[in-house]
Amino acid sequence: MERHDDDALIVYTDGSCKNSPRRGGYAFSLISVDEAGEEVIDDYNPPGVLGATNNEMELRACIEALRMIGGHHCPVPTSRYSKVVVYTDSMYVLDGVPRAELHWPKSGWLTRENEPVMSPELWKELVKLKRRAGRVEFRRVEAHKANPHNKRVDKLAKESADMADRSRLQGRIVGRKLSPRKTEARVVPMRGQVETIRIIVVRHISANHHSYKYEVVGEMSPDRGAVDDAFAKNEKIAMRRAHIYEVRFSQGDRGRWIEEVVAEVERNSDD
């Protein structure tokens, strides 16, 4: 088990995602030592969100923990600690924090692959709250091992997902794919080709970009049945879930972009 710093407010965070319907949950735990030298644990797992992803919930757990720490209703007074140590088993969070602080703002919130950073507003919020909370360190805890605090927040995050209700729907409907294949990032090569695709999920990223989870349905395509994600600029392209389109992809190493909608092939019969 991790050895906690004596002068720190310890935070364990976790996110969870379940299917049918897809729903996300998050939880965090504040661990401090009171004036008598006794360990005090405060757990939080509010109702989750329908349609959310696991990565979004990992971020949300850290955001809400830091929001509480920097707010007026934190159960631990600042006199009890000199820094905050956040433990997470999410490499997505651990790798992303320094990039969100130093690199992505300078790149226009584009990754090294020239693709939009997912959930930019959550990353911006996390950075703002991290700075407001004072000295904050993020450390890794190995998932589902011997650490009882990590096990506890994992259980609480799953309970949070089970408490998700439709009043907290994020406005993202997840469609049912026809292909038996799983989503594989970058499985469809970007070679400037025209592909016939069916849209599974439409996701708003920012004022400038959407992402589209799609499956290739063109009968003559060598990638038929592949399920992948691609991005598009909002001023150029707008596609709808369960519709089928002919699209032109980008070429080379410029990222997974849909450059053009050539034609709409089939509409959803429910529209």
C-alpha atoms as a PDB file:
ATOM      1  CA  MET A   1       0.000   0.000   0.000  1.00  0.00           C
ATOM      2  CA  GLU A   2       1.144   3.566  -0.765  1.00  0.00           C
ATOM      3  CA  ARG A   3       2.800   5.411   2.106  1.00  0.00           C
ATOM      4  CA  HIS A   4       0.984   8.703   2.615  1.00  0.00           C
ATOM      5  CA  ASP A   5       2.866  11.939   3.215  1.00  0.00           C
ATOM      6  CA  ASP A   6       2.391  13.146   6.783  1.00  0.00           C
ATOM      7  CA  ASP A   7       1.732  16.771   5.804  1.00  0.00           C
ATOM      8  CA  ALA A   8      -0.741  16.024   3.009  1.00  0.00           C
ATOM      9  CA  LEU A   9      -4.468  15.883   2.479  1.00  0.00           C
ATOM     10  CA  ILE A  10      -4.817  12.580   0.641  1.00  0.00           C
ATOM     11  CA  VAL A  11      -7.411  12.169  -2.105  1.00  0.00           C
ATOM     12  CA  TYR A  12      -8.381   8.932  -3.855  1.00  0.00           C
ATOM     13  CA  THR A  13     -10.458   9.270  -7.026  1.00  0.00           C
ATOM     14  CA  ASP A  14     -12.044   6.874  -9.483  1.00  0.00           C
ATOM     15  CA  GLY A  15     -14.413   6.858 -12.443  1.00  0.00           C
ATOM     16  CA  SER A  16     -16.625   4.075 -13.728  1.00  0.00           C
ATOM     17  CA  CYS A  17     -18.628   3.304 -16.852  1.00  0.00           C
ATOM     18  CA  LYS A  18     -21.391   0.743 -17.358  1.00  0.00           C
ATOM     19  CA  ASN A  19     -23.442  -0.281 -20.377  1.00  0.00           C
ATOM     20  CA  SER A  20     -27.093  -0.901 -21.300  1.00  0.00           C
ATOM     21  CA  PRO A  21     -27.619   1.991 -21.074  1.00  0.00           C
ATOM     22  CA  ARG A  22     -24.178   3.486 -20.988  1.00  0.00           C
ATOM     23  CA  ARG A  23     -23.758   5.482 -17.809  1.00  0.00           C
ATOM     24  CA  GLY A  24     -20.827   6.849 -15.901  1.00  0.00           C
ATOM     25  CA  GLY A  25     -20.138   7.339 -12.223  1.00  0.00           C
ATOM     26  CA  TYR A  26     -17.402   8.843 -10.099  1.00  0.00           C
ATOM     27  CA  ALA A  27     -16.277   8.955  -6.507  1.00  0.00           C
ATOM     28  CA  PHE A  28     -13.577  10.458  -4.350  1.00  0.00           C
ATOM     29  CA  SER A  29     -12.339  10.060  -0.818  1.00  0.00           C
ATOM     30  CA  LEU A  30     -10.613  12.651   1.388  1.00  0.00           C
ATOM     31  CA  ILE A  31      -8.242  11.181   3.969  1.00  0.00           C
ATOM     32  CA  SER A  32      -6.859  13.382   6.722  1.00  0.00           C
ATOM     33  CA  VAL A  33      -5.596  13.195  10.278  1.00  0.00           C
ATOM     34  CA  ASP A  34      -7.518  15.029  12.997  1.00  0.00           C
ATOM     35  CA  GLU A  35      -6.099  16.878  15.996  1.00  0.00           C
ATOM     36  CA  ALA A  36      -6.035  13.650  18.013  1.00  0.00           C
ATOM     37  CA  GLY A  37      -3.910  11.919  15.376  1.00  0.00           C
ATOM     38  CA  GLU A  38      -6.775   9.745  14.146  1.00  0.00           C
ATOM     39  CA  GLU A  39      -7.381   9.065  10.454  1.00  0.00           C
ATOM     40  CA  VAL A  40     -10.600  10.591   9.137  1.00  0.00           C
ATOM     41  CA  ILE A  41     -12.168   9.422   5.866  1.00  0.00           C
ATOM     42  CA  ASP A  42     -14.824  11.392   3.980  1.00  0.00           C
ATOM     43  CA  ASP A  43     -16.351   9.571   0.984  1.00  0.00           C
ATOM     44  CA  TYR A  44     -18.402  11.118  -1.826  1.00  0.00           C
ATOM     45  CA  ASN A  45     -20.207   9.449  -4.746  1.00  0.00           C
ATOM     46  CA  PRO A  46     -23.034  11.590  -6.161  1.00  0.00           C
ATOM     47  CA  PRO A  47     -25.380  10.233  -8.841  1.00  0.00           C
ATOM     48  CA  GLY A  48     -23.633   9.568 -12.146  1.00  0.00           C
ATOM     49  CA  VAL A  49     -24.427  10.675 -15.691  1.00  0.00           C
ATOM     50  CA  LEU A  50     -26.086   8.825 -18.550  1.00  0.00           C
ATOM     51  CA  GLY A  51     -24.058   8.714 -21.764  1.00  0.00           C
ATOM     52  CA  ALA A  52     -20.738   9.561 -20.097  1.00  0.00           C
ATOM     53  CA  THR A  53     -17.427   7.831 -20.800  1.00  0.00           C
ATOM     54  CA  ASN A  54     -15.001   6.369 -18.291  1.00  0.00           C
ATOM     55  CA  ASN A  55     -12.379   9.029 -19.059  1.00  0.00           C
ATOM     56  CA  GLU A  56     -14.900  11.805 -18.451  1.00  0.00           C
ATOM     57  CA  MET A  57     -15.743  10.297 -15.086  1.00  0.00           C
ATOM     58  CA  GLU A  58     -12.073   9.953 -14.112  1.00  0.00           C
ATOM     59  CA  LEU A  59     -11.707  13.663 -14.803  1.00  0.00           C
ATOM     60  CA  ARG A  60     -14.941  14.528 -13.032  1.00  0.00           C
ATOM     61  CA  ALA A  61     -13.822  12.704  -9.874  1.00  0.00           C
ATOM     62  CA  CYS A  62     -10.656  14.829  -9.710  1.00  0.00           C
ATOM     63  CA  ILE A  63     -12.540  18.025 -10.541  1.00  0.00           C
ATOM     64  CA  GLU A  64     -15.174  17.590  -7.858  1.00  0.00           C
ATOM     65  CA  ALA A  65     -12.588  16.603  -5.245  1.00  0.00           C
ATOM     66  CA  LEU A  66     -10.525  19.735  -5.918  1.00  0.00           C
ATOM     67  CA  ARG A  67     -13.678  21.853  -6.066  1.00  0.00           C
ATOM     68  CA  MET A  68     -14.598  20.696  -2.574  1.00  0.00           C
ATOM     69  CA  ILE A  69     -11.072  21.217  -1.252  1.00  0.00           C
ATOM     70  CA  GLY A  70     -10.929  24.754  -2.602  1.00  0.00           C
ATOM     71  CA  GLY A  71     -14.459  25.655  -1.550  1.00  0.00           C
ATOM     72  CA  HIS A  72     -16.116  26.858   1.619  1.00  0.00           C
ATOM     73  CA  HIS A  73     -17.517  23.500   2.705  1.00  0.00           C
ATOM     74  CA  CYS A  74     -14.438  21.289   2.760  1.00  0.00           C
ATOM     75  CA  PRO A  75     -14.571  19.046   5.865  1.00  0.00           C
ATOM     76  CA  VAL A  76     -10.788  19.322   6.316  1.00  0.00           C
ATOM     77  CA  PRO A  77      -9.429  22.723   7.457  1.00  0.00           C
ATOM     78  CA  THR A  78      -6.347  23.983   5.634  1.00  0.00           C
ATOM     79  CA  SER A  79      -4.447  24.067   8.911  1.00  0.00           C
ATOM     80  CA  ARG A  80      -4.208  20.255   8.842  1.00  0.00           C
ATOM     81  CA  TYR A  81      -2.181  19.975   5.616  1.00  0.00           C
ATOM     82  CA  SER A  82       0.419  21.784   3.514  1.00  0.00           C
ATOM     83  CA  LYS A  83      -0.306  20.060   0.193  1.00  0.00           C
ATOM     84  CA  VAL A  84      -2.855  17.881  -1.584  1.00  0.00           C
ATOM     85  CA  VAL A  85      -1.910  14.494  -3.054  1.00  0.00           C
ATOM     86  CA  VAL A  86      -4.405  13.036  -5.519  1.00  0.00           C
ATOM     87  CA  TYR A  87      -4.158   9.291  -6.180  1.00  0.00           C
ATOM     88  CA  THR A  88      -5.671   7.931  -9.392  1.00  0.00           C
ATOM     89  CA  ASP A  89      -5.345   4.686 -11.351  1.00  0.00           C
ATOM     90  CA  SER A  90      -6.064   6.548 -14.615  1.00  0.00           C
ATOM     91  CA  MET A  91      -3.050   7.050 -16.877  1.00  0.00           C
ATOM     92  CA  TYR A  92      -5.355   9.231 -18.978  1.00  0.00           C
ATOM     93  CA  VAL A  93      -5.468  11.719 -16.089  1.00  0.00           C
ATOM     94  CA  LEU A  94      -1.821  11.358 -15.057  1.00  0.00           C
ATOM     95  CA  ASP A  95      -0.523  11.878 -18.597  1.00  0.00           C
ATOM     96  CA  GLY A  96      -3.023  14.620 -19.366  1.00  0.00           C
ATOM     97  CA  VAL A  97      -2.538  16.973 -16.418  1.00  0.00           C
ATOM     98  CA  PRO A  98       0.892  18.350 -17.452  1.00  0.00           C
ATOM     99  CA  ARG A  99      -0.237  18.595 -21.079  1.00  0.00           C
ATOM    100  CA  ALA A 100      -3.390  20.480 -20.085  1.00  0.00           C
ATOM    101  CA  GLU A 101      -1.278  22.907 -18.046  1.00  0.00           C
ATOM    102  CA  LEU A 102       1.609  23.464 -20.469  1.00  0.00           C
ATOM    103  CA  HIS A 103       1.079  22.177 -23.996  1.00  0.00           C
ATOM    104  CA  TRP A 104      -2.544  22.014 -25.142  1.00  0.00           C
ATOM    105  CA  PRO A 105      -3.347  25.711 -24.520  1.00  0.00           C
ATOM    106  CA  LYS A 106      -0.436  26.619 -26.817  1.00  0.00           C
ATOM    107  CA  SER A 107      -1.465  24.115 -29.511  1.00  0.00           C
ATOM    108  CA  GLY A 108      -5.053  25.328 -29.693  1.00  0.00           C
ATOM    109  CA  TRP A 109      -6.156  22.217 -27.788  1.00  0.00           C
ATOM    110  CA  LEU A 110      -4.875  19.855 -30.450  1.00  0.00           C
ATOM    111  CA  THR A 111      -2.879  16.717 -29.643  1.00  0.00           C
ATOM    112  CA  ARG A 112       0.464  15.703 -31.098  1.00  0.00           C
ATOM    113  CA  GLU A 113      -1.525  13.724 -33.673  1.00  0.00           C
ATOM    114  CA  ASN A 114      -3.230  16.962 -34.815  1.00  0.00           C
ATOM    115  CA  GLU A 115      -6.557  15.862 -33.351  1.00  0.00           C
ATOM    116  CA  PRO A 116      -8.838  17.715 -30.930  1.00  0.00           C
ATOM    117  CA  VAL A 117      -8.287  17.078 -27.231  1.00  0.00           C
ATOM    118  CA  MET A 118     -11.336  15.264 -25.907  1.00  0.00           C
ATOM    119  CA  SER A 119     -13.277  16.978 -23.111  1.00  0.00           C
ATOM    120  CA  PRO A 120     -11.325  20.262 -23.283  1.00  0.00           C
ATOM    121  CA  GLU A 121     -13.725  22.060 -20.950  1.00  0.00           C
ATOM    122  CA  LEU A 122     -13.187  19.418 -18.258  1.00  0.00           C
ATOM    123  CA  TRP A 123      -9.413  19.709 -18.614  1.00  0.00           C
ATOM    124  CA  LYS A 124      -9.595  23.511 -18.360  1.00  0.00           C
ATOM    125  CA  GLU A 125     -11.753  23.220 -15.257  1.00  0.00           C
ATOM    126  CA  LEU A 126      -9.364  20.728 -13.668  1.00  0.00           C
ATOM    127  CA  VAL A 127      -6.359  22.996 -14.260  1.00  0.00           C
ATOM    128  CA  LYS A 128      -8.199  26.010 -12.811  1.00  0.00           C
ATOM    129  CA  LEU A 129      -9.231  24.128  -9.664  1.00  0.00           C
ATOM    130  CA  LYS A 130      -5.765  22.603  -9.265  1.00  0.00           C
ATOM    131  CA  ARG A 131      -4.220  26.074  -9.187  1.00  0.00           C
ATOM    132  CA  ARG A 132      -6.860  27.343  -6.792  1.00  0.00           C
ATOM    133  CA  ALA A 133      -6.268  24.445  -4.371  1.00  0.00           C
ATOM    134  CA  GLY A 134      -2.609  25.385  -3.842  1.00  0.00           C
ATOM    135  CA  ARG A 135       0.122  22.765  -3.926  1.00  0.00           C
ATOM    136  CA  VAL A 136      -1.355  19.690  -5.638  1.00  0.00           C
ATOM    137  CA  GLU A 137       0.427  16.511  -6.739  1.00  0.00           C
ATOM    138  CA  PHE A 138      -1.050  13.697  -8.836  1.00  0.00           C
ATOM    139  CA  ARG A 139       0.251  10.194  -8.163  1.00  0.00           C
ATOM    140  CA  ARG A 140      -0.541   6.787  -9.544  1.00  0.00           C
ATOM    141  CA  VAL A 141      -2.162   4.009  -7.589  1.00  0.00           C
ATOM    142  CA  GLU A 142      -2.325   0.570  -9.184  1.00  0.00           C
ATOM    143  CA  ALA A 143      -5.883  -0.393  -9.983  1.00  0.00           C
ATOM    144  CA  HIS A 144      -7.710  -3.175  -8.138  1.00  0.00           C
ATOM    145  CA  LYS A 145      -4.742  -4.265  -6.032  1.00  0.00           C
ATOM    146  CA  ALA A 146      -4.184  -4.291  -2.279  1.00  0.00           C
ATOM    147  CA  ASN A 147      -4.903  -0.615  -1.586  1.00  0.00           C
ATOM    148  CA  PRO A 148      -8.168  -0.494   0.408  1.00  0.00           C
ATOM    149  CA  HIS A 149      -8.798   3.175  -0.409  1.00  0.00           C
ATOM    150  CA  ASN A 150      -8.586   2.511  -4.134  1.00  0.00           C
ATOM    151  CA  LYS A 151     -10.879  -0.490  -3.782  1.00  0.00           C
ATOM    152  CA  ARG A 152     -13.381   1.593  -1.852  1.00  0.00           C
ATOM    153  CA  VAL A 153     -13.607   4.448  -4.376  1.00  0.00           C
ATOM    154  CA  ASP A 154     -13.843   1.904  -7.200  1.00  0.00           C
ATOM    155  CA  LYS A 155     -16.899   0.390  -5.508  1.00  0.00           C
ATOM    156  CA  LEU A 156     -18.359   3.836  -4.827  1.00  0.00           C
ATOM    157  CA  ALA A 157     -17.853   4.932  -8.451  1.00  0.00           C
ATOM    158  CA  LYS A 158     -19.781   1.883  -9.673  1.00  0.00           C
ATOM    159  CA  GLU A 159     -22.581   2.701  -7.246  1.00  0.00           C
ATOM    160  CA  SER A 160     -22.568   6.257  -8.594  1.00  0.00           C
ATOM    161  CA  ALA A 161     -23.038   4.909 -12.138  1.00  0.00           C
ATOM    162  CA  ASP A 162     -25.991   2.846 -10.944  1.00  0.00           C
ATOM    163  CA  MET A 163     -27.562   6.015  -9.501  1.00  0.00           C
ATOM    164  CA  ALA A 164     -27.436   7.875 -12.838  1.00  0.00           C
ATOM    165  CA  ASP A 165     -30.822   9.230 -13.835  1.00  0.00           C
ATOM    166  CA  ARG A 166     -32.239  10.679 -17.029  1.00  0.00           C
ATOM    167  CA  SER A 167     -32.511  14.174 -15.614  1.00  0.00           C
ATOM    168  CA  ARG A 168     -28.686  14.315 -15.818  1.00  0.00           C
ATOM    169  CA  LEU A 169     -28.488  13.146 -19.453  1.00  0.00           C
ATOM    170  CA  GLN A 170     -25.560  14.794 -21.212  1.00  0.00           C
ATOM    171  CA  GLY A 171     -27.370  15.047 -24.532  1.00  0.00           C
ATOM    172  CA  ARG A 172     -25.348  12.291 -26.175  1.00  0.00           C
ATOM    173  CA  ILE A 173     -27.263   9.300 -27.479  1.00  0.00           C
ATOM    174  CA  VAL A 174     -25.286   6.131 -28.090  1.00  0.00           C
ATOM    175  CA  GLY A 175     -26.444   4.234 -31.148  1.00  0.00           C
ATOM    176  CA  ARG A 176     -26.292   0.516 -31.711  1.00  0.00           C
ATOM    177  CA  LYS A 177     -23.621  -0.568 -34.163  1.00  0.00           C
ATOM    178  CA  LEU A 178     -24.299  -3.261 -36.736  1.00  0.00           C
ATOM    179  CA  SER A 179     -20.737  -4.552 -36.963  1.00  0.00           C
ATOM    180  CA  PRO A 180     -19.648  -7.254 -34.472  1.00  0.00           C
ATOM    181  CA  ARG A 181     -16.208  -5.654 -34.240  1.00  0.00           C
ATOM    182  CA  LYS A 182     -15.104  -3.481 -31.341  1.00  0.00           C
ATOM    183  CA  THR A 183     -13.981   0.108 -31.700  1.00  0.00           C
ATOM    184  CA  GLU A 184     -10.262   0.221 -32.547  1.00  0.00           C
ATOM    185  CA  ALA A 185      -8.530   3.586 -32.653  1.00  0.00           C
ATOM    186  CA  ARG A 186      -6.802   4.232 -35.988  1.00  0.00           C
ATOM    187  CA  VAL A 187      -7.933   0.934 -37.517  1.00  0.00           C
ATOM    188  CA  VAL A 188      -9.141   2.764 -40.642  1.00  0.00           C
ATOM    189  CA  PRO A 189      -6.127   4.250 -42.475  1.00  0.00           C
ATOM    190  CA  MET A 190      -6.363   7.868 -43.573  1.00  0.00           C
ATOM    191  CA  ARG A 191      -5.457   7.780 -47.259  1.00  0.00           C
ATOM    192  CA  GLY A 192      -7.768  10.425 -48.723  1.00  0.00           C
ATOM    193  CA  GLN A 193     -10.295   7.767 -49.669  1.00  0.00           C
ATOM    194  CA  VAL A 194     -14.071   7.998 -49.967  1.00  0.00           C
ATOM    195  CA  GLU A 195     -15.804   5.592 -47.560  1.00  0.00           C
ATOM    196  CA  THR A 196     -19.441   4.792 -46.893  1.00  0.00           C
ATOM    197  CA  ILE A 197     -19.954   5.011 -43.148  1.00  0.00           C
ATOM    198  CA  ARG A 198     -22.804   4.712 -40.681  1.00  0.00           C
ATOM    199  CA  ILE A 199     -22.701   7.127 -37.724  1.00  0.00           C
ATOM    200  CA  ILE A 200     -22.986   5.462 -34.313  1.00  0.00           C
ATOM    201  CA  VAL A 201     -22.276   8.326 -31.898  1.00  0.00           C
ATOM    202  CA  VAL A 202     -22.106  12.078 -32.437  1.00  0.00           C
ATOM    203  CA  ARG A 203     -20.154  13.862 -29.734  1.00  0.00           C
ATOM    204  CA  HIS A 204     -19.759  17.600 -29.258  1.00  0.00           C
ATOM    205  CA  ILE A 205     -16.174  18.453 -28.339  1.00  0.00           C
ATOM    206  CA  SER A 206     -16.059  22.239 -28.564  1.00  0.00           C
ATOM    207  CA  ALA A 207     -17.485  25.161 -30.510  1.00  0.00           C
ATOM    208  CA  ASN A 208     -15.165  24.137 -33.345  1.00  0.00           C
ATOM    209  CA  HIS A 209     -15.239  20.347 -33.435  1.00  0.00           C
ATOM    210  CA  HIS A 210     -17.374  17.217 -33.204  1.00  0.00           C
ATOM    211  CA  SER A 211     -16.225  13.613 -33.083  1.00  0.00           C
ATOM    212  CA  TYR A 212     -18.032  10.801 -34.856  1.00  0.00           C
ATOM    213  CA  LYS A 213     -17.900   7.139 -33.952  1.00  0.00           C
ATOM    214  CA  TYR A 214     -18.668   5.266 -37.166  1.00  0.00           C
ATOM    215  CA  GLU A 215     -18.641   1.873 -38.830  1.00  0.00           C
ATOM    216  CA  VAL A 216     -17.569   1.303 -42.422  1.00  0.00           C
ATOM    217  CA  VAL A 217     -20.490  -0.185 -44.366  1.00  0.00           C
ATOM    218  CA  GLY A 218     -19.350   0.128 -47.991  1.00  0.00           C
ATOM    219  CA  GLU A 219     -19.582  -3.320 -49.570  1.00  0.00           C
ATOM    220  CA  MET A 220     -16.417  -2.920 -51.631  1.00  0.00           C
ATOM    221  CA  SER A 221     -14.302  -1.319 -48.917  1.00  0.00           C
ATOM    222  CA  PRO A 222     -11.291  -3.260 -47.577  1.00  0.00           C
ATOM    223  CA  ASP A 223     -12.188  -1.786 -44.188  1.00  0.00           C
ATOM    224  CA  ARG A 224     -15.811  -2.965 -44.198  1.00  0.00           C
ATOM    225  CA  GLY A 225     -16.998  -3.655 -40.637  1.00  0.00           C
ATOM    226  CA  ALA A 226     -14.256  -1.562 -38.989  1.00  0.00           C
ATOM    227  CA  VAL A 227     -15.400   0.690 -36.129  1.00  0.00           C
ATOM    228  CA  ASP A 228     -13.371   3.825 -35.439  1.00  0.00           C
ATOM    229  CA  ASP A 229     -13.589   7.514 -34.492  1.00  0.00           C
ATOM    230  CA  ALA A 230     -12.942  10.573 -36.633  1.00  0.00           C
ATOM    231  CA  PHE A 231     -13.214  14.332 -36.219  1.00  0.00           C
ATOM    232  CA  ALA A 232     -14.781  17.123 -38.221  1.00  0.00           C
ATOM    233  CA  LYS A 233     -14.897  20.904 -38.122  1.00  0.00           C
ATOM    234  CA  ASN A 234     -18.345  22.190 -37.278  1.00  0.00           C
ATOM    235  CA  GLU A 235     -18.430  24.901 -39.935  1.00  0.00           C
ATOM    236  CA  LYS A 236     -17.886  22.284 -42.653  1.00  0.00           C
ATOM    237  CA  ILE A 237     -19.690  19.112 -41.575  1.00  0.00           C
ATOM    238  CA  ALA A 238     -22.781  18.087 -39.604  1.00  0.00           C
ATOM    239  CA  MET A 239     -23.880  14.440 -39.583  1.00  0.00           C
ATOM    240  CA  ARG A 240     -26.554  12.623 -37.611  1.00  0.00           C
ATOM    241  CA  ARG A 241     -26.613   9.401 -35.634  1.00  0.00           C
ATOM    242  CA  ALA A 242     -27.790   6.262 -37.509  1.00  0.00           C
ATOM    243  CA  HIS A 243     -27.528   8.005 -40.897  1.00  0.00           C
ATOM    244  CA  ILE A 244     -25.267   6.662 -43.651  1.00  0.00           C
ATOM    245  CA  TYR A 245     -22.929   8.966 -45.559  1.00  0.00           C
ATOM    246  CA  GLU A 246     -20.243   8.887 -48.196  1.00  0.00           C
ATOM    247  CA  VAL A 247     -17.348  10.861 -46.745  1.00  0.00           C
ATOM    248  CA  ARG A 248     -13.845  11.768 -47.783  1.00  0.00           C
ATOM    249  CA  PHE A 249     -11.154  11.197 -45.173  1.00  0.00           C
ATOM    250  CA  SER A 250      -7.935  13.127 -44.727  1.00  0.00           C
ATOM    251  CA  GLN A 251      -4.653  11.822 -46.062  1.00  0.00           C
ATOM    252  CA  GLY A 252      -1.329  11.041 -44.441  1.00  0.00           C
ATOM    253  CA  ASP A 253      -0.341  11.997 -40.910  1.00  0.00           C
ATOM    254  CA  ARG A 254      -2.715  14.920 -40.442  1.00  0.00           C
ATOM    255  CA  GLY A 255      -4.969  13.096 -37.982  1.00  0.00           C
ATOM    256  CA  ARG A 256      -8.305  11.268 -38.249  1.00  0.00           C
ATOM    257  CA  TRP A 257     -10.387  13.919 -40.016  1.00  0.00           C
ATOM    258  CA  ILE A 258     -13.492  13.789 -42.176  1.00  0.00           C
ATOM    259  CA  GLU A 259     -12.738  16.407 -44.805  1.00  0.00           C
ATOM    260  CA  GLU A 260     -15.975  16.290 -46.793  1.00  0.00           C
ATOM    261  CA  VAL A 261     -19.440  14.766 -46.864  1.00  0.00           C
ATOM    262  CA  VAL A 262     -19.806  13.647 -50.465  1.00  0.00           C
ATOM    263  CA  ALA A 263     -23.423  12.507 -50.133  1.00  0.00           C
ATOM    264  CA  GLU A 264     -26.013  11.307 -47.642  1.00  0.00           C
ATOM    265  CA  VAL A 265     -26.869   7.745 -48.623  1.00  0.00           C
ATOM    266  CA  GLU A 266     -29.565   6.767 -46.146  1.00  0.00           C
ATOM    267  CA  ARG A 267     -31.520   8.506 -43.396  1.00  0.00           C
ATOM    268  CA  ASN A 268     -32.668   6.997 -40.140  1.00  0.00           C
ATOM    269  CA  SER A 269     -36.243   5.809 -40.683  1.00  0.00           C
ATOM    270  CA  ASP A 270     -37.177   7.225 -37.258  1.00  0.00           C
ATOM    271  CA  ASP A 271     -36.387  10.827 -38.331  1.00  0.00           C
END
